Amino acid sequence: MFCLQAAMRPLFILSGSEGDAPEIPLGIMKRSRVPRDGMGALPASSFWHQKSILRGHPVMRKFLLAVTLIAVLFHFILHCILQKSSFYWVPTVNVGKIQVIEMCFNQKFRFLLNMSDVEPFLCYGSFQQQSVLHGSNKFDLPYGVRKGERFFKTALSKLENCHIPEEVEKVPCKRCVVVGNGGILRNKTLGKKIDSYDIVIRMNNAPVIGYEQDVGRKTTFRLCYPESIFSDPVHYDPNTTVVLLAFKPHDVKWLSELLLHKHASTYGFWKKPALRMIYPSMQIRILNPVVLRKVAHEMLHFPIRFPKTKKNLHIQQLV
């Protein structure tokens, strides 16, 4: 029987102090680069600079929360896809001949019950059908595929796999941990604890090498975007599945160019993206925009379309 209680209560290790802004593609720092230490932590002056910027952009603060919740929803959908044969969101516990139904998920997550037909990753063969089925063809990125269909098709045609890795699928009862890319784990010696989880989801370019005692060695999924993906082969992990979060057409165009072994354009990025792909196509997936749309609209109650006066700065600069 699916072990929901463990799955629905993952350990969240958000690597950054309270109020710290994780490095995500929202353009909040415009095009400036801020030096970080080996663990990715920001200096105090940069922290207060980002905090003052975020205070003036409530939409950006909401987007920061949305990106963090993507990893959580992504984990839930993995279970949804792997356990389609049973109504696993309501686990049953055998007590003699009586089956006790225990509702152990928060009411805020009730909309997840309607996501059993959502594939977590985009696939070339079903791209068009899924886009129409879930309405992704009616939304621009990051909530849909409109204006970026040709880039999606090119990139997906070069990916060798779009399914959940076998080593994840064969684990019947999953426990997950989400690890960010700040410095809060420094000297915490939680490496073994993190590695004890079935699924370890790391965000962006959260370092592992040199910090194994604090952050562990295992990485099941690494969620990132062009500006935050590793480009140095020293960070390559053959056991990691890299999941691209596409926030704009440039992101998918960048991936398609690298998969075609072309020179990737750096236009339209808030900072210079990786110009080399250290992961083979077998290890790369593209997150279904439906996942982000569900988080934004049904969990965080974002408006379907932002007013021009409140549109996210990063997106506003690129459309």
C-alpha atoms as a PDB file:
ATOM      1  CA  MET A   1       0.000   0.000   0.000  1.00  0.00           C
ATOM      2  CA  PHE A   2       1.253   3.434  -0.852  1.00  0.00           C
ATOM      3  CA  CYS A   3       2.881   5.107   2.120  1.00  0.00           C
ATOM      4  CA  LEU A   4       1.249   8.513   1.937  1.00  0.00           C
ATOM      5  CA  GLN A   5       2.113   9.812   5.364  1.00  0.00           C
ATOM      6  CA  ALA A   6       5.834   9.681   4.723  1.00  0.00           C
ATOM      7  CA  ALA A   7       5.457  11.058   1.232  1.00  0.00           C
ATOM      8  CA  MET A   8       3.175  13.935   2.145  1.00  0.00           C
ATOM      9  CA  ARG A   9       5.415  15.084   4.974  1.00  0.00           C
ATOM     10  CA  PRO A  10       8.812  15.599   3.347  1.00  0.00           C
ATOM     11  CA  LEU A  11      11.657  17.231   5.222  1.00  0.00           C
ATOM     12  CA  PHE A  12      12.215  20.736   3.929  1.00  0.00           C
ATOM     13  CA  ILE A  13      15.744  22.036   4.212  1.00  0.00           C
ATOM     14  CA  LEU A  14      15.597  25.478   2.678  1.00  0.00           C
ATOM     15  CA  SER A  15      19.228  26.448   2.376  1.00  0.00           C
ATOM     16  CA  GLY A  16      19.096  30.108   3.234  1.00  0.00           C
ATOM     17  CA  SER A  17      18.313  32.264   6.208  1.00  0.00           C
ATOM     18  CA  GLU A  18      14.837  33.677   6.765  1.00  0.00           C
ATOM     19  CA  GLY A  19      14.070  36.191   4.067  1.00  0.00           C
ATOM     20  CA  ASP A  20      17.027  35.105   1.943  1.00  0.00           C
ATOM     21  CA  ALA A  21      16.185  35.084  -1.738  1.00  0.00           C
ATOM     22  CA  PRO A  22      17.224  31.880  -3.547  1.00  0.00           C
ATOM     23  CA  GLU A  23      18.897  32.305  -6.881  1.00  0.00           C
ATOM     24  CA  ILE A  24      16.008  32.018  -9.331  1.00  0.00           C
ATOM     25  CA  PRO A  25      15.334  33.582 -12.715  1.00  0.00           C
ATOM     26  CA  LEU A  26      13.218  36.523 -11.682  1.00  0.00           C
ATOM     27  CA  GLY A  27      15.608  39.277 -12.636  1.00  0.00           C
ATOM     28  CA  ILE A  28      15.345  40.817  -9.191  1.00  0.00           C
ATOM     29  CA  MET A  29      19.018  41.670  -9.280  1.00  0.00           C
ATOM     30  CA  LYS A  30      18.731  42.848 -12.869  1.00  0.00           C
ATOM     31  CA  ARG A  31      22.038  41.937 -14.522  1.00  0.00           C
ATOM     32  CA  SER A  32      24.459  42.458 -11.666  1.00  0.00           C
ATOM     33  CA  ARG A  33      26.448  39.612 -10.201  1.00  0.00           C
ATOM     34  CA  VAL A  34      26.791  39.194  -6.468  1.00  0.00           C
ATOM     35  CA  PRO A  35      29.766  37.250  -5.071  1.00  0.00           C
ATOM     36  CA  ARG A  36      28.907  34.230  -2.973  1.00  0.00           C
ATOM     37  CA  ASP A  37      30.929  31.950  -0.764  1.00  0.00           C
ATOM     38  CA  GLY A  38      31.558  28.260  -1.459  1.00  0.00           C
ATOM     39  CA  MET A  39      28.139  27.274  -0.113  1.00  0.00           C
ATOM     40  CA  GLY A  40      26.297  29.831  -2.196  1.00  0.00           C
ATOM     41  CA  ALA A  41      25.558  32.180   0.721  1.00  0.00           C
ATOM     42  CA  LEU A  42      25.179  35.905   0.072  1.00  0.00           C
ATOM     43  CA  PRO A  43      27.195  38.502   2.007  1.00  0.00           C
ATOM     44  CA  ALA A  44      25.222  40.573   4.501  1.00  0.00           C
ATOM     45  CA  SER A  45      25.206  43.689   2.310  1.00  0.00           C
ATOM     46  CA  SER A  46      23.827  41.723  -0.635  1.00  0.00           C
ATOM     47  CA  PHE A  47      21.198  40.115   1.582  1.00  0.00           C
ATOM     48  CA  TRP A  48      19.811  43.458   2.690  1.00  0.00           C
ATOM     49  CA  HIS A  49      20.033  44.744  -0.890  1.00  0.00           C
ATOM     50  CA  GLN A  50      17.921  41.847  -2.142  1.00  0.00           C
ATOM     51  CA  LYS A  51      15.558  42.156   0.810  1.00  0.00           C
ATOM     52  CA  SER A  52      14.921  45.818   0.041  1.00  0.00           C
ATOM     53  CA  ILE A  53      14.256  44.975  -3.603  1.00  0.00           C
ATOM     54  CA  LEU A  54      11.873  42.162  -2.704  1.00  0.00           C
ATOM     55  CA  ARG A  55       9.990  44.398  -0.290  1.00  0.00           C
ATOM     56  CA  GLY A  56       9.080  46.638  -3.216  1.00  0.00           C
ATOM     57  CA  HIS A  57       7.982  43.808  -5.491  1.00  0.00           C
ATOM     58  CA  PRO A  58       5.237  41.683  -3.884  1.00  0.00           C
ATOM     59  CA  VAL A  59       4.729  39.792  -7.134  1.00  0.00           C
ATOM     60  CA  MET A  60       8.370  38.716  -7.082  1.00  0.00           C
ATOM     61  CA  ARG A  61       8.068  37.483  -3.506  1.00  0.00           C
ATOM     62  CA  LYS A  62       5.143  35.337  -4.578  1.00  0.00           C
ATOM     63  CA  PHE A  63       7.161  33.971  -7.488  1.00  0.00           C
ATOM     64  CA  LEU A  64       9.960  33.003  -5.107  1.00  0.00           C
ATOM     65  CA  LEU A  65       7.472  30.975  -3.092  1.00  0.00           C
ATOM     66  CA  ALA A  66       6.038  29.428  -6.255  1.00  0.00           C
ATOM     67  CA  VAL A  67       9.425  28.131  -7.394  1.00  0.00           C
ATOM     68  CA  THR A  68      10.042  26.526  -4.013  1.00  0.00           C
ATOM     69  CA  LEU A  69       6.638  24.848  -4.074  1.00  0.00           C
ATOM     70  CA  ILE A  70       7.328  23.440  -7.543  1.00  0.00           C
ATOM     71  CA  ALA A  71       9.680  20.888  -6.022  1.00  0.00           C
ATOM     72  CA  VAL A  72       7.014  19.848  -3.528  1.00  0.00           C
ATOM     73  CA  LEU A  73       4.275  19.474  -6.119  1.00  0.00           C
ATOM     74  CA  PHE A  74       6.731  17.722  -8.429  1.00  0.00           C
ATOM     75  CA  HIS A  75       7.279  15.112  -5.725  1.00  0.00           C
ATOM     76  CA  PHE A  76       3.535  14.589  -5.258  1.00  0.00           C
ATOM     77  CA  ILE A  77       2.967  14.135  -8.992  1.00  0.00           C
ATOM     78  CA  LEU A  78       5.683  11.487  -9.132  1.00  0.00           C
ATOM     79  CA  HIS A  79       3.630   9.429  -6.684  1.00  0.00           C
ATOM     80  CA  CYS A  80       0.478  10.192  -8.609  1.00  0.00           C
ATOM     81  CA  ILE A  81       1.948   8.823 -11.831  1.00  0.00           C
ATOM     82  CA  LEU A  82       3.540   5.776 -10.236  1.00  0.00           C
ATOM     83  CA  GLN A  83       0.485   4.677  -8.279  1.00  0.00           C
ATOM     84  CA  LYS A  84      -2.356   5.135 -10.776  1.00  0.00           C
ATOM     85  CA  SER A  85      -3.738   1.698 -10.007  1.00  0.00           C
ATOM     86  CA  SER A  86      -5.012   2.714  -6.567  1.00  0.00           C
ATOM     87  CA  PHE A  87      -6.683   5.682  -4.916  1.00  0.00           C
ATOM     88  CA  TYR A  88      -3.471   6.320  -3.055  1.00  0.00           C
ATOM     89  CA  TRP A  89      -4.259   9.814  -1.827  1.00  0.00           C
ATOM     90  CA  VAL A  90      -6.561   8.159   0.724  1.00  0.00           C
ATOM     91  CA  PRO A  91      -4.430   5.342   2.158  1.00  0.00           C
ATOM     92  CA  THR A  92      -6.052   2.329   3.757  1.00  0.00           C
ATOM     93  CA  VAL A  93      -4.802   0.685   6.938  1.00  0.00           C
ATOM     94  CA  ASN A  94      -5.863  -2.882   7.659  1.00  0.00           C
ATOM     95  CA  VAL A  95      -7.127  -3.375  11.230  1.00  0.00           C
ATOM     96  CA  GLY A  96      -8.352  -6.955  11.305  1.00  0.00           C
ATOM     97  CA  LYS A  97     -11.130  -7.074   8.729  1.00  0.00           C
ATOM     98  CA  ILE A  98     -11.817  -3.364   8.950  1.00  0.00           C
ATOM     99  CA  GLN A  99     -10.289  -0.887   6.578  1.00  0.00           C
ATOM    100  CA  VAL A 100      -9.720   2.447   8.200  1.00  0.00           C
ATOM    101  CA  ILE A 101      -9.579   5.392   5.853  1.00  0.00           C
ATOM    102  CA  GLU A 102      -7.227   8.065   7.065  1.00  0.00           C
ATOM    103  CA  MET A 103      -7.204  11.487   5.423  1.00  0.00           C
ATOM    104  CA  CYS A 104      -3.653  12.652   5.985  1.00  0.00           C
ATOM    105  CA  PHE A 105      -3.226  15.473   3.532  1.00  0.00           C
ATOM    106  CA  ASN A 106      -3.858  19.158   4.124  1.00  0.00           C
ATOM    107  CA  GLN A 107      -7.017  20.565   2.565  1.00  0.00           C
ATOM    108  CA  LYS A 108      -4.896  23.045   0.630  1.00  0.00           C
ATOM    109  CA  PHE A 109      -3.588  20.120  -1.402  1.00  0.00           C
ATOM    110  CA  ARG A 110      -7.019  18.785  -2.341  1.00  0.00           C
ATOM    111  CA  PHE A 111      -6.623  20.002  -5.922  1.00  0.00           C
ATOM    112  CA  LEU A 112      -3.863  17.419  -6.334  1.00  0.00           C
ATOM    113  CA  LEU A 113      -6.565  14.759  -6.497  1.00  0.00           C
ATOM    114  CA  ASN A 114      -7.397  16.064  -9.952  1.00  0.00           C
ATOM    115  CA  MET A 115      -3.840  15.786 -11.255  1.00  0.00           C
ATOM    116  CA  SER A 116      -3.622  12.044 -11.801  1.00  0.00           C
ATOM    117  CA  ASP A 117      -3.521  12.577 -15.572  1.00  0.00           C
ATOM    118  CA  VAL A 118      -0.721  15.157 -15.473  1.00  0.00           C
ATOM    119  CA  GLU A 119       2.644  13.848 -16.594  1.00  0.00           C
ATOM    120  CA  PRO A 120       5.478  15.534 -14.671  1.00  0.00           C
ATOM    121  CA  PHE A 121       7.719  15.702 -17.745  1.00  0.00           C
ATOM    122  CA  LEU A 122       6.984  16.714 -21.319  1.00  0.00           C
ATOM    123  CA  CYS A 123       7.312  14.015 -23.975  1.00  0.00           C
ATOM    124  CA  TYR A 124       7.809  14.509 -27.699  1.00  0.00           C
ATOM    125  CA  GLY A 125       5.218  11.932 -28.729  1.00  0.00           C
ATOM    126  CA  SER A 126       2.412  13.352 -26.596  1.00  0.00           C
ATOM    127  CA  PHE A 127       3.434  17.009 -26.536  1.00  0.00           C
ATOM    128  CA  GLN A 128       0.676  18.317 -28.785  1.00  0.00           C
ATOM    129  CA  GLN A 129      -2.042  16.164 -27.230  1.00  0.00           C
ATOM    130  CA  GLN A 130      -1.075  17.056 -23.663  1.00  0.00           C
ATOM    131  CA  SER A 131      -0.834  20.759 -24.524  1.00  0.00           C
ATOM    132  CA  VAL A 132      -4.420  20.782 -25.764  1.00  0.00           C
ATOM    133  CA  LEU A 133      -5.715  18.509 -22.992  1.00  0.00           C
ATOM    134  CA  HIS A 134      -4.404  20.695 -20.180  1.00  0.00           C
ATOM    135  CA  GLY A 135      -4.721  24.029 -21.964  1.00  0.00           C
ATOM    136  CA  SER A 136      -0.988  24.701 -22.044  1.00  0.00           C
ATOM    137  CA  ASN A 137      -1.340  25.962 -25.616  1.00  0.00           C
ATOM    138  CA  LYS A 138      -3.385  28.883 -24.269  1.00  0.00           C
ATOM    139  CA  PHE A 139      -0.737  30.186 -21.865  1.00  0.00           C
ATOM    140  CA  ASP A 140       2.707  31.663 -22.358  1.00  0.00           C
ATOM    141  CA  LEU A 141       5.654  30.428 -20.328  1.00  0.00           C
ATOM    142  CA  PRO A 142       6.077  29.781 -17.490  1.00  0.00           C
ATOM    143  CA  TYR A 143       2.467  28.555 -17.299  1.00  0.00           C
ATOM    144  CA  GLY A 144       2.146  27.120 -20.807  1.00  0.00           C
ATOM    145  CA  VAL A 145       3.916  26.455 -24.102  1.00  0.00           C
ATOM    146  CA  ARG A 146       2.415  29.142 -26.325  1.00  0.00           C
ATOM    147  CA  LYS A 147       5.000  31.047 -28.416  1.00  0.00           C
ATOM    148  CA  GLY A 148       7.560  28.366 -27.673  1.00  0.00           C
ATOM    149  CA  GLU A 149       6.089  25.261 -29.321  1.00  0.00           C
ATOM    150  CA  ARG A 150       8.777  24.907 -31.981  1.00  0.00           C
ATOM    151  CA  PHE A 151      11.563  25.124 -29.412  1.00  0.00           C
ATOM    152  CA  PHE A 152       9.837  22.562 -27.209  1.00  0.00           C
ATOM    153  CA  LYS A 153       9.419  20.155 -30.124  1.00  0.00           C
ATOM    154  CA  THR A 154      13.054  20.516 -31.171  1.00  0.00           C
ATOM    155  CA  ALA A 155      14.378  19.968 -27.651  1.00  0.00           C
ATOM    156  CA  LEU A 156      12.030  17.069 -26.889  1.00  0.00           C
ATOM    157  CA  SER A 157      12.930  15.338 -30.148  1.00  0.00           C
ATOM    158  CA  LYS A 158      16.532  15.190 -28.938  1.00  0.00           C
ATOM    159  CA  LEU A 159      15.795  13.858 -25.460  1.00  0.00           C
ATOM    160  CA  GLU A 160      16.101  10.087 -25.232  1.00  0.00           C
ATOM    161  CA  ASN A 161      13.770   9.687 -22.283  1.00  0.00           C
ATOM    162  CA  CYS A 162      10.858  11.556 -20.745  1.00  0.00           C
ATOM    163  CA  HIS A 163       9.798   9.074 -18.088  1.00  0.00           C
ATOM    164  CA  ILE A 164      10.444   8.723 -14.383  1.00  0.00           C
ATOM    165  CA  PRO A 165      13.791   6.989 -13.757  1.00  0.00           C
ATOM    166  CA  GLU A 166      13.488   3.280 -13.028  1.00  0.00           C
ATOM    167  CA  GLU A 167      15.335   3.543  -9.722  1.00  0.00           C
ATOM    168  CA  VAL A 168      12.648   5.973  -8.514  1.00  0.00           C
ATOM    169  CA  GLU A 169       9.731   4.017  -9.908  1.00  0.00           C
ATOM    170  CA  LYS A 170      10.680   0.770  -8.202  1.00  0.00           C
ATOM    171  CA  VAL A 171      10.589   2.277  -4.691  1.00  0.00           C
ATOM    172  CA  PRO A 172       7.033   1.602  -3.399  1.00  0.00           C
ATOM    173  CA  CYS A 173       7.113   3.915  -0.391  1.00  0.00           C
ATOM    174  CA  LYS A 174       9.005   7.147  -0.954  1.00  0.00           C
ATOM    175  CA  ARG A 175      10.369   9.734   1.432  1.00  0.00           C
ATOM    176  CA  CYS A 176      11.789  12.911  -0.028  1.00  0.00           C
ATOM    177  CA  VAL A 177      13.880  15.885   1.001  1.00  0.00           C
ATOM    178  CA  VAL A 178      14.243  19.209  -0.818  1.00  0.00           C
ATOM    179  CA  VAL A 179      17.650  20.898  -0.508  1.00  0.00           C
ATOM    180  CA  GLY A 180      18.169  24.519  -1.522  1.00  0.00           C
ATOM    181  CA  ASN A 181      21.339  26.369  -2.479  1.00  0.00           C
ATOM    182  CA  GLY A 182      22.060  28.714   0.412  1.00  0.00           C
ATOM    183  CA  GLY A 183      24.505  28.271   3.273  1.00  0.00           C
ATOM    184  CA  ILE A 184      22.284  27.330   6.204  1.00  0.00           C
ATOM    185  CA  LEU A 185      23.512  23.715   6.155  1.00  0.00           C
ATOM    186  CA  ARG A 186      27.131  24.667   6.737  1.00  0.00           C
ATOM    187  CA  ASN A 187      28.613  22.714   9.656  1.00  0.00           C
ATOM    188  CA  LYS A 188      25.285  20.993  10.385  1.00  0.00           C
ATOM    189  CA  THR A 189      26.607  17.489   9.502  1.00  0.00           C
ATOM    190  CA  LEU A 190      23.245  16.441   8.041  1.00  0.00           C
ATOM    191  CA  GLY A 191      24.768  14.660   5.056  1.00  0.00           C
ATOM    192  CA  LYS A 192      23.924  11.119   6.189  1.00  0.00           C
ATOM    193  CA  LYS A 193      20.405  12.159   7.167  1.00  0.00           C
ATOM    194  CA  ILE A 194      19.762  13.701   3.755  1.00  0.00           C
ATOM    195  CA  ASP A 195      21.171  10.674   1.941  1.00  0.00           C
ATOM    196  CA  SER A 196      18.855   8.381   3.927  1.00  0.00           C
ATOM    197  CA  TYR A 197      15.830   9.675   1.986  1.00  0.00           C
ATOM    198  CA  ASP A 198      14.604   7.811  -1.080  1.00  0.00           C
ATOM    199  CA  ILE A 199      14.392  10.947  -3.191  1.00  0.00           C
ATOM    200  CA  VAL A 200      16.720  13.925  -2.812  1.00  0.00           C
ATOM    201  CA  ILE A 201      15.638  16.982  -4.802  1.00  0.00           C
ATOM    202  CA  ARG A 202      18.218  19.746  -5.071  1.00  0.00           C
ATOM    203  CA  MET A 203      17.558  23.227  -6.364  1.00  0.00           C
ATOM    204  CA  ASN A 204      19.690  25.057  -8.918  1.00  0.00           C
ATOM    205  CA  ASN A 205      23.463  24.738  -8.524  1.00  0.00           C
ATOM    206  CA  ALA A 206      23.444  23.728  -4.863  1.00  0.00           C
ATOM    207  CA  PRO A 207      26.984  22.358  -4.375  1.00  0.00           C
ATOM    208  CA  VAL A 208      27.680  18.813  -3.257  1.00  0.00           C
ATOM    209  CA  ILE A 209      31.379  18.234  -3.867  1.00  0.00           C
ATOM    210  CA  GLY A 210      33.370  19.381  -0.868  1.00  0.00           C
ATOM    211  CA  TYR A 211      30.294  19.628   1.350  1.00  0.00           C
ATOM    212  CA  GLU A 212      29.215  15.998   1.523  1.00  0.00           C
ATOM    213  CA  GLN A 213      29.323  15.891   5.320  1.00  0.00           C
ATOM    214  CA  ASP A 214      26.792  18.719   5.535  1.00  0.00           C
ATOM    215  CA  VAL A 215      24.584  18.246   2.450  1.00  0.00           C
ATOM    216  CA  GLY A 216      25.073  14.600   1.489  1.00  0.00           C
ATOM    217  CA  ARG A 217      26.120  12.993  -1.774  1.00  0.00           C
ATOM    218  CA  LYS A 218      22.851  11.780  -3.262  1.00  0.00           C
ATOM    219  CA  THR A 219      20.909  13.790  -5.849  1.00  0.00           C
ATOM    220  CA  THR A 220      17.870  12.153  -7.431  1.00  0.00           C
ATOM    221  CA  PHE A 221      16.520  15.228  -9.198  1.00  0.00           C
ATOM    222  CA  ARG A 222      18.127  18.614  -9.739  1.00  0.00           C
ATOM    223  CA  LEU A 223      15.656  21.341 -10.679  1.00  0.00           C
ATOM    224  CA  CYS A 224      17.318  24.228 -12.487  1.00  0.00           C
ATOM    225  CA  TYR A 225      17.174  26.684 -15.361  1.00  0.00           C
ATOM    226  CA  PRO A 226      19.810  27.831 -17.905  1.00  0.00           C
ATOM    227  CA  GLU A 227      21.338  30.393 -15.564  1.00  0.00           C
ATOM    228  CA  SER A 228      21.754  27.921 -12.694  1.00  0.00           C
ATOM    229  CA  ILE A 229      22.679  24.595 -14.293  1.00  0.00           C
ATOM    230  CA  PHE A 230      26.166  23.199 -13.738  1.00  0.00           C
ATOM    231  CA  SER A 231      28.574  23.628 -16.662  1.00  0.00           C
ATOM    232  CA  ASP A 232      31.765  22.361 -15.023  1.00  0.00           C
ATOM    233  CA  PRO A 233      32.191  18.587 -15.585  1.00  0.00           C
ATOM    234  CA  VAL A 234      33.556  18.236 -12.053  1.00  0.00           C
ATOM    235  CA  HIS A 235      29.947  18.488 -10.822  1.00  0.00           C
ATOM    236  CA  TYR A 236      28.618  15.773 -13.125  1.00  0.00           C
ATOM    237  CA  ASP A 237      26.645  13.018 -11.374  1.00  0.00           C
ATOM    238  CA  PRO A 238      25.615   9.983 -13.470  1.00  0.00           C
ATOM    239  CA  ASN A 239      22.816   9.184 -11.012  1.00  0.00           C
ATOM    240  CA  THR A 240      21.080  12.565 -11.267  1.00  0.00           C
ATOM    241  CA  THR A 241      18.117  13.487 -13.452  1.00  0.00           C
ATOM    242  CA  VAL A 242      18.250  17.166 -14.404  1.00  0.00           C
ATOM    243  CA  VAL A 243      14.842  18.845 -14.712  1.00  0.00           C
ATOM    244  CA  LEU A 244      14.663  22.107 -16.661  1.00  0.00           C
ATOM    245  CA  LEU A 245      12.214  24.709 -15.362  1.00  0.00           C
ATOM    246  CA  ALA A 246      11.399  26.837 -18.398  1.00  0.00           C
ATOM    247  CA  PHE A 247      10.353  30.380 -17.507  1.00  0.00           C
ATOM    248  CA  LYS A 248      10.615  31.898 -20.992  1.00  0.00           C
ATOM    249  CA  PRO A 249      11.014  30.766 -24.637  1.00  0.00           C
ATOM    250  CA  HIS A 250      14.715  31.624 -24.447  1.00  0.00           C
ATOM    251  CA  ASP A 251      15.169  28.816 -21.907  1.00  0.00           C
ATOM    252  CA  VAL A 252      13.820  26.131 -24.234  1.00  0.00           C
ATOM    253  CA  LYS A 253      15.630  27.646 -27.228  1.00  0.00           C
ATOM    254  CA  TRP A 254      18.860  27.478 -25.215  1.00  0.00           C
ATOM    255  CA  LEU A 255      18.326  23.781 -24.475  1.00  0.00           C
ATOM    256  CA  SER A 256      17.468  22.926 -28.078  1.00  0.00           C
ATOM    257  CA  GLU A 257      20.612  24.678 -29.326  1.00  0.00           C
ATOM    258  CA  LEU A 258      22.856  22.801 -26.908  1.00  0.00           C
ATOM    259  CA  LEU A 259      21.218  19.473 -27.784  1.00  0.00           C
ATOM    260  CA  LEU A 260      21.819  20.261 -31.461  1.00  0.00           C
ATOM    261  CA  HIS A 261      25.471  21.024 -30.601  1.00  0.00           C
ATOM    262  CA  LYS A 262      25.071  24.618 -31.712  1.00  0.00           C
ATOM    263  CA  HIS A 263      26.384  27.765 -30.092  1.00  0.00           C
ATOM    264  CA  ALA A 264      23.729  28.783 -27.585  1.00  0.00           C
ATOM    265  CA  SER A 265      22.583  32.382 -27.681  1.00  0.00           C
ATOM    266  CA  THR A 266      22.932  34.318 -24.428  1.00  0.00           C
ATOM    267  CA  TYR A 267      20.353  36.943 -25.381  1.00  0.00           C
ATOM    268  CA  GLY A 268      17.362  37.363 -23.102  1.00  0.00           C
ATOM    269  CA  PHE A 269      18.884  35.939 -19.908  1.00  0.00           C
ATOM    270  CA  TRP A 270      19.204  37.789 -16.634  1.00  0.00           C
ATOM    271  CA  LYS A 271      22.717  36.426 -16.334  1.00  0.00           C
ATOM    272  CA  LYS A 272      24.936  34.402 -18.655  1.00  0.00           C
ATOM    273  CA  PRO A 273      23.629  30.826 -18.986  1.00  0.00           C
ATOM    274  CA  ALA A 274      25.736  27.700 -19.252  1.00  0.00           C
ATOM    275  CA  LEU A 275      27.307  27.348 -22.697  1.00  0.00           C
ATOM    276  CA  ARG A 276      27.976  23.639 -22.416  1.00  0.00           C
ATOM    277  CA  MET A 277      25.839  20.701 -21.376  1.00  0.00           C
ATOM    278  CA  ILE A 278      27.653  18.252 -19.130  1.00  0.00           C
ATOM    279  CA  TYR A 279      24.671  15.888 -18.906  1.00  0.00           C
ATOM    280  CA  PRO A 280      23.752  13.404 -21.657  1.00  0.00           C
ATOM    281  CA  SER A 281      20.258  13.717 -23.110  1.00  0.00           C
ATOM    282  CA  MET A 282      19.207  10.541 -21.251  1.00  0.00           C
ATOM    283  CA  GLN A 283      19.476  12.438 -17.949  1.00  0.00           C
ATOM    284  CA  ILE A 284      17.548  15.549 -18.999  1.00  0.00           C
ATOM    285  CA  ARG A 285      13.825  16.234 -18.588  1.00  0.00           C
ATOM    286  CA  ILE A 286      11.611  19.297 -19.114  1.00  0.00           C
ATOM    287  CA  LEU A 287       9.109  20.043 -16.358  1.00  0.00           C
ATOM    288  CA  ASN A 288       5.519  20.181 -17.560  1.00  0.00           C
ATOM    289  CA  PRO A 289       4.365  23.847 -17.293  1.00  0.00           C
ATOM    290  CA  VAL A 290       1.056  22.559 -15.924  1.00  0.00           C
ATOM    291  CA  VAL A 291       2.865  21.846 -12.649  1.00  0.00           C
ATOM    292  CA  LEU A 292       3.894  25.466 -12.195  1.00  0.00           C
ATOM    293  CA  ARG A 293       0.478  26.692 -13.302  1.00  0.00           C
ATOM    294  CA  LYS A 294      -1.260  24.522 -10.710  1.00  0.00           C
ATOM    295  CA  VAL A 295       1.032  25.800  -7.969  1.00  0.00           C
ATOM    296  CA  ALA A 296       0.588  29.435  -8.973  1.00  0.00           C
ATOM    297  CA  HIS A 297      -3.153  29.467  -9.631  1.00  0.00           C
ATOM    298  CA  GLU A 298      -4.633  26.822  -7.362  1.00  0.00           C
ATOM    299  CA  MET A 299      -2.258  26.881  -4.400  1.00  0.00           C
ATOM    300  CA  LEU A 300      -0.959  30.457  -4.292  1.00  0.00           C
ATOM    301  CA  HIS A 301      -3.977  31.988  -6.052  1.00  0.00           C
ATOM    302  CA  PHE A 302      -1.930  34.068  -8.461  1.00  0.00           C
ATOM    303  CA  PRO A 303      -3.990  35.896 -11.106  1.00  0.00           C
ATOM    304  CA  ILE A 304      -4.159  34.095 -14.439  1.00  0.00           C
ATOM    305  CA  ARG A 305      -2.724  37.189 -16.077  1.00  0.00           C
ATOM    306  CA  PHE A 306      -0.727  39.799 -14.218  1.00  0.00           C
ATOM    307  CA  PRO A 307      -1.670  43.452 -14.784  1.00  0.00           C
ATOM    308  CA  LYS A 308       1.055  45.217 -16.740  1.00  0.00           C
ATOM    309  CA  THR A 309       1.808  47.405 -13.742  1.00  0.00           C
ATOM    310  CA  LYS A 310       2.486  44.342 -11.593  1.00  0.00           C
ATOM    311  CA  LYS A 311       4.009  41.959 -14.120  1.00  0.00           C
ATOM    312  CA  ASN A 312       7.128  40.232 -12.889  1.00  0.00           C
ATOM    313  CA  LEU A 313      10.176  42.321 -13.784  1.00  0.00           C
ATOM    314  CA  HIS A 314      12.065  39.380 -15.264  1.00  0.00           C
ATOM    315  CA  ILE A 315       9.224  38.385 -17.595  1.00  0.00           C
ATOM    316  CA  GLN A 316       8.413  42.003 -18.443  1.00  0.00           C
ATOM    317  CA  GLN A 317      11.930  42.554 -19.778  1.00  0.00           C
ATOM    318  CA  LEU A 318      11.739  39.555 -22.095  1.00  0.00           C
ATOM    319  CA  VAL A 319       8.263  39.727 -23.679  1.00  0.00           C
END
